Amino acid sequence: MKKIAIVPTLLTLGNGICGFVAITFASKINDAESIANCDLYFAVAGWFIVAAMIFDLFDGYVARLSKTASKFGGELDSLCDAISFGVAPAFLLLKMGPGWHPHPLLHQIVAGIAALYMVCTVLRLARFNVDNTPDPAVHKRFRGLPSPAAAGCLASLAILRGGLADKVLLVWPELDPEQIRQLVLRFVEAFAPVGAVVIALLMVSVTPYPHVTKQILRGRRHVSHIVQLLFGVLIIVLLREFALFVLFWGYALGLPIRNALMRSLKREETPTPDVLPR
């Protein structure tokens, strides 16, 4: 066997381990658990998927920096991505949607959506491996929604489900805690399956998505850019549950909505040819 790069490989395996731990915590969620335990398991599972995204971000960066990028690393990265960004979010979806309640029809619908999400993730990763080029300079856009961003969408819902109610009660302690938790729960239960279908189809679409990390971190920037970046990090830290939801879903849905609006406006602006009388 050829020599492998130790640090990038360990980072990639860290990605897969985080996905496995997310599945482990999601598997603990059931009707018999207390509300506090369920909230904790949802939040921890979602954060481990986010941690997998961080490992996935740095393994490729370290490999390119150390000039140790290889085909082995690329294949290993895809296998770990399939766990962390395919299986783990799909399994978590089974718990977030109404299917984790004892209703057979709802369970079957959500299970089918979770299977669709996982299949689209695997197809997205396979297409990326085929289309990927060794030159990192050309990786400025993705064809279809990247699988880590799609997983982040579902992870942000789990984090929202697990922690938003407590944040709201800190700001407005006079509100009814049970009512706030039920509102958050119903929103996530209704939105998660529908949103999962949308992002699953976006992963296998040809919609171009920008490489956000490269646009933010690459090259020299003005001091104001650094200040804006630090301010954005501060907002995420302070309002992390809601901020992650807005960032991931804004990235996933913002471009398709914008493209649809632009096409609609162009059709309206196109002049119709005059019809001459016969």
Protein backbone atom coordinates (compact mmCIF):
# COMPACT_ATOMS: atom_id res chain seq x y z
CA MET A 1 0.00 0.00 0.00
CA LYS A 2 1.27 3.48 -0.85
CA LYS A 3 2.12 5.95 1.88
CA ILE A 4 -0.74 8.18 3.01
CA ALA A 5 -0.79 11.65 4.50
CA ILE A 6 -1.41 11.29 8.23
CA VAL A 7 -2.94 14.66 9.18
CA PRO A 8 -5.41 15.01 6.25
CA THR A 9 -6.45 11.37 6.68
CA LEU A 10 -7.09 11.84 10.41
CA LEU A 11 -9.15 14.97 9.65
CA THR A 12 -11.20 13.05 7.08
CA LEU A 13 -11.77 10.19 9.52
CA GLY A 14 -12.80 12.78 12.12
CA ASN A 15 -15.52 13.80 9.67
CA GLY A 16 -16.83 10.22 9.51
CA ILE A 17 -16.61 9.75 13.28
CA CYS A 18 -18.67 12.92 13.86
CA GLY A 19 -21.32 11.56 11.52
CA PHE A 20 -21.38 8.26 13.42
CA VAL A 21 -21.70 10.06 16.78
CA ALA A 22 -24.56 12.17 15.36
CA ILE A 23 -26.38 8.95 14.42
CA THR A 24 -25.74 7.56 17.90
CA PHE A 25 -27.32 10.56 19.64
CA ALA A 26 -30.22 10.67 17.19
CA SER A 27 -30.94 7.00 17.91
CA LYS A 28 -31.49 7.86 21.58
CA ILE A 29 -34.50 10.06 20.76
CA ASN A 30 -37.81 8.33 21.47
CA ASP A 31 -41.20 9.05 22.97
CA ALA A 32 -40.19 7.61 26.35
CA GLU A 33 -37.49 10.22 26.89
CA SER A 34 -38.17 13.47 28.72
CA ILE A 35 -38.46 16.71 26.75
CA ALA A 36 -35.15 17.94 28.15
CA ASN A 37 -33.32 14.79 27.03
CA CYS A 38 -34.89 14.93 23.56
CA ASP A 39 -33.88 18.57 23.16
CA LEU A 40 -30.33 17.70 24.21
CA TYR A 41 -30.06 14.76 21.80
CA PHE A 42 -31.40 16.82 18.90
CA ALA A 43 -28.96 19.64 19.58
CA VAL A 44 -25.93 17.37 20.06
CA ALA A 45 -26.67 15.36 16.92
CA GLY A 46 -27.02 18.57 14.90
CA TRP A 47 -23.79 20.03 16.29
CA PHE A 48 -21.84 16.86 15.48
CA ILE A 49 -22.96 17.18 11.84
CA VAL A 50 -21.70 20.77 11.91
CA ALA A 51 -18.42 19.49 13.42
CA ALA A 52 -18.18 17.00 10.53
CA MET A 53 -18.47 19.95 8.14
CA ILE A 54 -15.53 21.64 9.87
CA PHE A 55 -13.40 18.49 9.53
CA ASP A 56 -14.45 18.23 5.88
CA LEU A 57 -13.43 21.84 5.30
CA PHE A 58 -9.97 21.47 6.77
CA ASP A 59 -8.94 18.05 5.47
CA GLY A 60 -8.85 19.22 1.86
CA TYR A 61 -7.24 22.52 2.83
CA VAL A 62 -4.46 20.78 4.79
CA ALA A 63 -3.91 18.26 1.98
CA ARG A 64 -3.51 21.02 -0.60
CA LEU A 65 -1.33 23.10 1.73
CA SER A 66 0.99 20.17 2.41
CA LYS A 67 0.81 19.04 -1.24
CA THR A 68 -0.35 15.57 -0.17
CA ALA A 69 -3.70 15.49 -2.02
CA SER A 70 -4.28 12.07 -3.55
CA LYS A 71 -6.94 9.87 -5.10
CA PHE A 72 -7.00 7.82 -1.89
CA GLY A 73 -7.83 10.95 0.10
CA GLY A 74 -10.58 11.90 -2.33
CA GLU A 75 -12.22 8.49 -2.16
CA LEU A 76 -11.94 8.38 1.64
CA ASP A 77 -13.47 11.85 1.84
CA SER A 78 -16.48 10.75 -0.21
CA LEU A 79 -17.04 7.67 1.96
CA CYS A 80 -16.99 9.76 5.14
CA ASP A 81 -19.20 12.41 3.50
CA ALA A 82 -21.75 9.71 2.68
CA ILE A 83 -21.94 8.90 6.41
CA SER A 84 -21.90 12.42 7.84
CA PHE A 85 -23.88 14.25 5.15
CA GLY A 86 -26.04 11.42 3.83
CA VAL A 87 -26.88 8.78 6.42
CA ALA A 88 -26.67 10.95 9.58
CA PRO A 89 -29.01 13.76 8.37
CA ALA A 90 -31.41 11.21 6.86
CA PHE A 91 -31.58 9.31 10.15
CA LEU A 92 -32.00 12.56 12.07
CA LEU A 93 -34.85 13.49 9.73
CA LEU A 94 -36.73 10.37 10.87
CA LYS A 95 -36.68 11.83 14.38
CA MET A 96 -37.39 15.46 13.47
CA GLY A 97 -40.36 14.85 11.24
CA PRO A 98 -43.79 13.71 12.43
CA GLY A 99 -42.81 10.16 11.48
CA TRP A 100 -41.21 9.50 14.87
CA HIS A 101 -44.70 9.57 16.38
CA PRO A 102 -46.62 6.26 16.23
CA HIS A 103 -48.57 6.99 13.07
CA PRO A 104 -47.77 4.43 10.32
CA LEU A 105 -48.65 6.62 7.33
CA LEU A 106 -46.62 9.60 8.54
CA HIS A 107 -43.73 7.31 9.40
CA GLN A 108 -43.74 5.79 5.92
CA ILE A 109 -43.83 9.20 4.22
CA VAL A 110 -40.96 10.58 6.29
CA ALA A 111 -38.98 7.35 5.85
CA GLY A 112 -39.40 7.64 2.09
CA ILE A 113 -38.22 11.27 2.16
CA ALA A 114 -35.21 10.29 4.28
CA ALA A 115 -34.33 7.55 1.78
CA LEU A 116 -34.69 10.04 -1.09
CA TYR A 117 -32.37 12.47 0.70
CA MET A 118 -29.72 9.80 1.29
CA VAL A 119 -29.88 8.60 -2.33
CA CYS A 120 -29.55 12.14 -3.68
CA THR A 121 -26.56 12.73 -1.40
CA VAL A 122 -24.78 9.63 -2.70
CA LEU A 123 -25.57 10.59 -6.30
CA ARG A 124 -24.29 14.11 -5.63
CA LEU A 125 -21.02 12.78 -4.21
CA ALA A 126 -20.56 10.35 -7.12
CA ARG A 127 -21.15 13.11 -9.66
CA PHE A 128 -18.68 15.37 -7.87
CA ASN A 129 -16.01 12.64 -8.00
CA VAL A 130 -16.53 12.25 -11.74
CA ASP A 131 -16.59 16.00 -12.46
CA ASN A 132 -13.85 16.94 -9.99
CA THR A 133 -10.56 18.22 -11.38
CA PRO A 134 -7.22 18.13 -9.55
CA ASP A 135 -6.65 21.87 -10.01
CA PRO A 136 -8.10 23.66 -6.92
CA ALA A 137 -8.03 27.02 -8.75
CA VAL A 138 -11.05 26.05 -10.85
CA HIS A 139 -13.19 25.07 -7.84
CA LYS A 140 -15.08 28.34 -7.65
CA ARG A 141 -18.59 26.96 -8.12
CA PHE A 142 -20.44 23.75 -7.43
CA ARG A 143 -22.91 22.09 -9.79
CA GLY A 144 -25.85 21.46 -7.51
CA LEU A 145 -26.17 22.11 -3.80
CA PRO A 146 -23.09 20.74 -1.97
CA SER A 147 -23.88 17.82 0.33
CA PRO A 148 -22.32 19.49 3.44
CA ALA A 149 -24.60 22.51 2.95
CA ALA A 150 -27.65 20.24 2.56
CA ALA A 151 -26.69 18.38 5.73
CA GLY A 152 -26.22 21.73 7.46
CA CYS A 153 -29.81 22.63 6.59
CA LEU A 154 -31.17 19.58 8.41
CA ALA A 155 -28.65 19.93 11.24
CA SER A 156 -29.71 23.53 11.78
CA LEU A 157 -33.32 22.36 12.16
CA ALA A 158 -32.25 19.84 14.81
CA ILE A 159 -30.27 22.55 16.64
CA LEU A 160 -33.25 24.89 16.33
CA ARG A 161 -35.51 22.14 17.70
CA GLY A 162 -33.17 21.55 20.61
CA GLY A 163 -32.28 25.07 21.71
CA LEU A 164 -34.43 27.85 20.29
CA ALA A 165 -37.15 27.61 22.95
CA ASP A 166 -34.63 28.17 25.75
CA LYS A 167 -33.17 31.19 23.96
CA VAL A 168 -36.62 32.72 23.50
CA LEU A 169 -37.42 32.18 27.18
CA LEU A 170 -34.19 33.91 28.19
CA VAL A 171 -35.31 37.04 26.34
CA TRP A 172 -39.00 36.79 27.28
CA PRO A 173 -39.22 34.80 30.54
CA GLU A 174 -42.87 35.76 30.99
CA LEU A 175 -43.91 33.49 28.09
CA ASP A 176 -45.29 30.00 28.63
CA PRO A 177 -42.35 27.54 28.24
CA GLU A 178 -44.51 24.64 27.10
CA GLN A 179 -46.29 26.73 24.49
CA ILE A 180 -42.99 28.02 23.05
CA ARG A 181 -41.55 24.49 22.86
CA GLN A 182 -44.67 23.21 21.13
CA LEU A 183 -44.51 26.01 18.55
CA VAL A 184 -40.87 25.23 17.75
CA LEU A 185 -41.62 21.50 17.66
CA ARG A 186 -44.57 21.87 15.26
CA PHE A 187 -42.61 24.17 12.98
CA VAL A 188 -39.70 21.73 12.70
CA GLU A 189 -42.00 18.72 12.26
CA ALA A 190 -43.83 20.42 9.39
CA PHE A 191 -40.86 22.08 7.72
CA ALA A 192 -38.22 19.32 7.95
CA PRO A 193 -39.80 16.77 5.53
CA VAL A 194 -40.78 19.40 2.94
CA GLY A 195 -37.42 21.13 3.19
CA ALA A 196 -35.59 17.80 2.90
CA VAL A 197 -37.32 17.05 -0.41
CA VAL A 198 -36.32 20.46 -1.77
CA ILE A 199 -32.65 20.27 -0.80
CA ALA A 200 -32.42 16.65 -1.96
CA LEU A 201 -33.55 17.68 -5.45
CA LEU A 202 -31.26 20.73 -5.37
CA MET A 203 -28.27 18.45 -4.70
CA VAL A 204 -28.80 16.58 -7.97
CA SER A 205 -29.77 19.71 -9.92
CA VAL A 206 -27.42 21.75 -12.12
CA THR A 207 -27.97 24.98 -10.19
CA PRO A 208 -24.58 26.67 -9.71
CA TYR A 209 -23.60 27.40 -6.11
CA PRO A 210 -20.59 29.55 -5.16
CA HIS A 211 -17.70 28.16 -3.14
CA VAL A 212 -18.33 30.39 -0.12
CA THR A 213 -15.25 29.52 1.93
CA LYS A 214 -12.89 30.25 -0.94
CA GLN A 215 -14.60 33.53 -1.71
CA ILE A 216 -14.32 34.57 1.95
CA LEU A 217 -10.84 33.33 2.84
CA ARG A 218 -8.88 33.30 -0.40
CA GLY A 219 -6.54 36.12 -1.36
CA ARG A 220 -5.80 39.46 0.24
CA ARG A 221 -8.70 41.45 1.61
CA HIS A 222 -9.32 44.95 2.93
CA VAL A 223 -9.51 45.52 6.68
CA SER A 224 -13.25 46.15 6.40
CA HIS A 225 -13.68 42.60 5.07
CA ILE A 226 -12.01 41.21 8.20
CA VAL A 227 -14.23 43.37 10.41
CA GLN A 228 -17.36 42.16 8.60
CA LEU A 229 -16.20 38.55 8.92
CA LEU A 230 -15.58 38.93 12.67
CA PHE A 231 -18.96 40.62 13.09
CA GLY A 232 -20.64 37.74 11.28
CA VAL A 233 -18.89 35.21 13.53
CA LEU A 234 -20.02 37.18 16.59
CA ILE A 235 -23.65 37.12 15.40
CA ILE A 236 -23.44 33.36 14.84
CA VAL A 237 -22.01 32.83 18.34
CA LEU A 238 -24.66 34.97 20.03
CA LEU A 239 -27.66 33.74 18.00
CA ARG A 240 -26.26 30.38 16.93
CA GLU A 241 -29.52 28.38 16.74
CA PHE A 242 -31.37 30.92 14.60
CA ALA A 243 -28.26 32.17 12.76
CA LEU A 244 -27.33 28.70 11.50
CA PHE A 245 -30.88 28.14 10.28
CA VAL A 246 -30.84 31.43 8.32
CA LEU A 247 -27.34 30.87 6.89
CA PHE A 248 -27.80 27.30 5.68
CA TRP A 249 -31.32 27.66 4.33
CA GLY A 250 -30.54 31.09 2.86
CA TYR A 251 -27.61 29.58 0.96
CA ALA A 252 -29.63 26.57 -0.20
CA LEU A 253 -32.79 28.39 -1.28
CA GLY A 254 -31.55 31.91 -2.01
CA LEU A 255 -29.93 31.20 -5.37
CA PRO A 256 -32.77 29.09 -6.86
CA ILE A 257 -35.33 31.70 -5.79
CA ARG A 258 -33.18 34.50 -7.20
CA ASN A 259 -32.68 32.64 -10.51
CA ALA A 260 -36.41 31.95 -10.79
CA LEU A 261 -37.21 35.63 -10.19
CA MET A 262 -34.62 36.75 -12.76
CA ARG A 263 -36.03 34.38 -15.39
CA SER A 264 -39.55 35.61 -14.64
CA LEU A 265 -38.48 39.25 -14.99
CA LYS A 266 -36.68 38.53 -18.26
CA ARG A 267 -39.78 36.89 -19.71
CA GLU A 268 -41.87 39.90 -18.74
CA GLU A 269 -39.36 42.34 -20.27
CA THR A 270 -39.13 40.45 -23.59
CA PRO A 271 -41.28 42.36 -26.09
CA THR A 272 -43.91 40.34 -27.89
CA PRO A 273 -43.76 40.64 -31.70
CA ASP A 274 -46.51 42.61 -33.35
CA VAL A 275 -49.08 40.47 -35.06
CA LEU A 276 -49.83 41.78 -38.53
CA PRO A 277 -53.39 41.46 -39.81
CA ARG A 278 -53.88 39.08 -42.70
